[in-house]
Amino acid sequence: MTQQPHSTQQPHSPSAGGQEKPPVWNDSGQAPDTRGYGPPQGGSGLAMGGAVFAGVLMLMNGVIAILQGISALAKDDVYTRVGNYVYSINLTGWGVILLCLGAVGVITGWGILRGMSWARVCGIVLASLSAILQFMFLPYAPVWSVIMIAVDVFVIWALAVYNPARAGAQQ
């Protein structure tokens, strides 16, 4: 067999016909001659999906916090009374806090879904504040608070990892 002038020798194993096949992926992780098409670099698809999911979680967390705040304001007997606890805020105070936090959470979740840069920073701060407040709300609803703390930690991670400039450059 004669070698063609445009082909190069590759240190790959020969195929069944005795000819060497070009690599499926080059060193940058893309198929040869695809000019930018190929798998995303550095797992940005996971980060982008996580950021969208974090936006949805922020939006839903905000709506649920608003409902939780309204129920704490409407009747003080919705949640059980806690005797002596280190953080002594009455349920009316918790209702106001949750109502305000929920309204800001809805706006921030909407901003994250729209791709606004201020919303990522605000989302990280808001999720951190929400995790602290849910820790303080533990005696009133322990299972719910632990779940919400886990959701807040995921939101913080997803918004901190996502880099919209890098994801936009790959599209």
Protein backbone atom coordinates (compact mmCIF):
# COMPACT_ATOMS: atom_id res chain seq x y z
CA MET A 1 0.00 0.00 0.00
CA THR A 2 1.16 3.43 -0.77
CA GLN A 3 0.88 6.23 1.66
CA GLN A 4 -0.95 9.31 0.51
CA PRO A 5 0.91 12.63 0.73
CA HIS A 6 -1.65 14.41 2.98
CA SER A 7 -1.87 11.73 5.65
CA THR A 8 0.43 11.67 8.65
CA GLN A 9 1.73 8.80 10.67
CA GLN A 10 -0.16 8.37 13.94
CA PRO A 11 1.16 6.22 16.77
CA HIS A 12 -2.11 4.24 16.88
CA SER A 13 -2.60 0.55 16.41
CA PRO A 14 -3.31 -0.54 12.87
CA SER A 15 -6.82 -1.55 11.89
CA ALA A 16 -7.82 -4.91 10.48
CA GLY A 17 -6.92 -3.86 6.92
CA GLY A 18 -3.40 -2.88 7.91
CA GLN A 19 -4.07 0.85 7.65
CA GLU A 20 -4.00 3.13 10.65
CA LYS A 21 -7.19 5.00 11.53
CA PRO A 22 -7.12 8.63 12.63
CA PRO A 23 -8.07 9.29 16.24
CA VAL A 24 -11.73 9.77 17.07
CA TRP A 25 -10.94 12.76 19.34
CA ASN A 26 -8.00 15.13 19.23
CA ASP A 27 -6.10 16.51 22.21
CA SER A 28 -8.67 19.26 22.87
CA GLY A 29 -11.49 16.70 23.20
CA GLN A 30 -13.12 17.49 19.84
CA ALA A 31 -13.62 15.42 16.77
CA PRO A 32 -11.13 16.22 13.99
CA ASP A 33 -12.33 18.80 11.45
CA THR A 34 -15.40 19.79 13.46
CA ARG A 35 -14.29 23.39 14.06
CA GLY A 36 -15.62 23.85 17.58
CA TYR A 37 -18.28 21.16 17.67
CA GLY A 38 -17.88 18.38 20.19
CA PRO A 39 -18.40 17.59 23.83
CA PRO A 40 -18.36 20.56 26.21
CA GLN A 41 -15.12 21.27 28.01
CA GLY A 42 -14.87 21.04 31.78
CA GLY A 43 -18.41 19.83 32.48
CA SER A 44 -20.05 23.17 31.74
CA GLY A 45 -23.24 21.38 30.72
CA LEU A 46 -23.65 20.10 34.26
CA ALA A 47 -22.93 23.54 35.69
CA MET A 48 -25.38 25.20 33.30
CA GLY A 49 -28.07 22.64 34.09
CA GLY A 50 -27.35 23.09 37.79
CA ALA A 51 -27.72 26.86 37.48
CA VAL A 52 -31.06 26.54 35.70
CA PHE A 53 -32.21 24.05 38.32
CA ALA A 54 -30.96 26.41 41.04
CA GLY A 55 -33.03 29.20 39.48
CA VAL A 56 -36.12 27.02 39.55
CA LEU A 57 -35.37 26.00 43.15
CA MET A 58 -34.91 29.64 44.17
CA LEU A 59 -38.21 30.54 42.54
CA MET A 60 -40.06 27.67 44.20
CA ASN A 61 -38.31 28.22 47.53
CA GLY A 62 -39.40 31.85 47.40
CA VAL A 63 -43.03 30.93 46.74
CA ILE A 64 -43.00 28.35 49.53
CA ALA A 65 -41.35 30.83 51.92
CA ILE A 66 -44.09 33.35 51.11
CA LEU A 67 -46.76 30.74 51.89
CA GLN A 68 -44.90 29.72 55.03
CA GLY A 69 -44.71 33.36 56.12
CA ILE A 70 -48.39 33.96 55.44
CA SER A 71 -49.33 30.89 57.47
CA ALA A 72 -47.15 32.06 60.35
CA LEU A 73 -48.73 35.53 60.21
CA ALA A 74 -52.34 34.40 59.78
CA LYS A 75 -52.54 32.08 62.75
CA ASP A 76 -49.90 31.58 65.37
CA ASP A 77 -51.18 28.06 66.01
CA VAL A 78 -50.06 26.61 62.66
CA TYR A 79 -46.65 25.72 64.05
CA THR A 80 -46.06 24.10 67.41
CA ARG A 81 -45.00 26.24 70.30
CA VAL A 82 -41.44 25.85 71.40
CA GLY A 83 -40.66 26.44 75.05
CA ASN A 84 -37.18 27.77 75.74
CA TYR A 85 -34.96 27.94 72.72
CA VAL A 86 -31.80 29.90 72.12
CA TYR A 87 -33.37 31.98 69.34
CA SER A 88 -36.55 33.50 70.72
CA ILE A 89 -38.42 35.08 67.82
CA ASN A 90 -42.19 34.78 67.93
CA LEU A 91 -44.06 33.33 64.97
CA THR A 92 -45.22 36.75 63.79
CA GLY A 93 -41.56 37.77 63.48
CA TRP A 94 -40.78 34.56 61.60
CA GLY A 95 -43.73 35.26 59.30
CA VAL A 96 -42.41 38.70 58.38
CA ILE A 97 -38.88 37.35 57.85
CA LEU A 98 -40.07 34.48 55.67
CA LEU A 99 -42.42 36.71 53.70
CA CYS A 100 -39.64 39.20 52.86
CA LEU A 101 -37.11 36.44 52.14
CA GLY A 102 -39.63 34.70 49.88
CA ALA A 103 -40.39 37.83 47.86
CA VAL A 104 -36.69 38.49 47.27
CA GLY A 105 -36.22 34.78 46.46
CA VAL A 106 -38.90 34.88 43.75
CA ILE A 107 -37.29 37.94 42.13
CA THR A 108 -33.83 36.38 42.35
CA GLY A 109 -35.01 33.04 40.93
CA TRP A 110 -36.61 34.87 38.02
CA GLY A 111 -33.35 36.78 37.46
CA ILE A 112 -31.31 33.56 37.50
CA LEU A 113 -33.60 32.00 34.91
CA ARG A 114 -33.24 35.12 32.75
CA GLY A 115 -29.42 34.85 32.99
CA MET A 116 -28.82 38.11 34.83
CA SER A 117 -25.41 38.37 36.49
CA TRP A 118 -26.67 40.27 39.56
CA ALA A 119 -29.04 37.38 40.26
CA ARG A 120 -26.19 34.86 40.63
CA VAL A 121 -24.51 36.92 43.34
CA CYS A 122 -27.81 37.74 45.00
CA GLY A 123 -28.80 34.05 44.79
CA ILE A 124 -25.65 32.94 46.59
CA VAL A 125 -26.16 35.54 49.33
CA LEU A 126 -29.87 34.73 49.60
CA ALA A 127 -29.32 30.97 49.73
CA SER A 128 -26.69 31.46 52.45
CA LEU A 129 -29.08 33.63 54.45
CA SER A 130 -31.87 31.13 53.90
CA ALA A 131 -29.71 28.26 55.19
CA ILE A 132 -28.93 30.23 58.35
CA LEU A 133 -32.58 31.14 58.87
CA GLN A 134 -33.72 27.57 58.27
CA PHE A 135 -31.24 26.45 60.91
CA MET A 136 -32.85 28.90 63.29
CA PHE A 137 -36.31 27.60 62.25
CA LEU A 138 -35.35 23.99 63.16
CA PRO A 139 -37.45 23.73 66.35
CA TYR A 140 -40.65 24.65 64.49
CA ALA A 141 -40.28 22.32 61.48
CA PRO A 142 -37.16 20.12 61.82
CA VAL A 143 -37.53 17.87 58.77
CA TRP A 144 -38.52 20.73 56.48
CA SER A 145 -35.63 22.86 57.71
CA VAL A 146 -33.05 20.13 57.08
CA ILE A 147 -34.39 19.59 53.56
CA MET A 148 -34.31 23.31 52.85
CA ILE A 149 -30.74 23.60 54.16
CA ALA A 150 -29.70 20.85 51.72
CA VAL A 151 -31.48 22.66 48.85
CA ASP A 152 -29.74 25.92 49.81
CA VAL A 153 -26.33 24.23 49.79
CA PHE A 154 -27.02 22.87 46.29
CA VAL A 155 -28.13 26.30 45.08
CA ILE A 156 -24.95 27.88 46.45
CA TRP A 157 -22.82 25.26 44.71
CA ALA A 158 -24.64 25.50 41.38
CA LEU A 159 -24.50 29.29 41.24
CA ALA A 160 -20.86 29.45 42.35
CA VAL A 161 -19.67 26.89 39.77
CA TYR A 162 -21.60 28.21 36.77
CA ASN A 163 -19.68 30.59 34.50
CA PRO A 164 -22.05 32.00 31.86
CA ALA A 165 -19.24 33.62 29.85
CA ARG A 166 -17.49 30.29 29.33
CA ALA A 167 -20.74 28.47 28.56
CA GLY A 168 -21.74 31.16 26.03
CA ALA A 169 -18.36 30.91 24.28
CA GLN A 170 -18.84 27.20 23.64
CA GLN A 171 -22.23 27.51 21.95
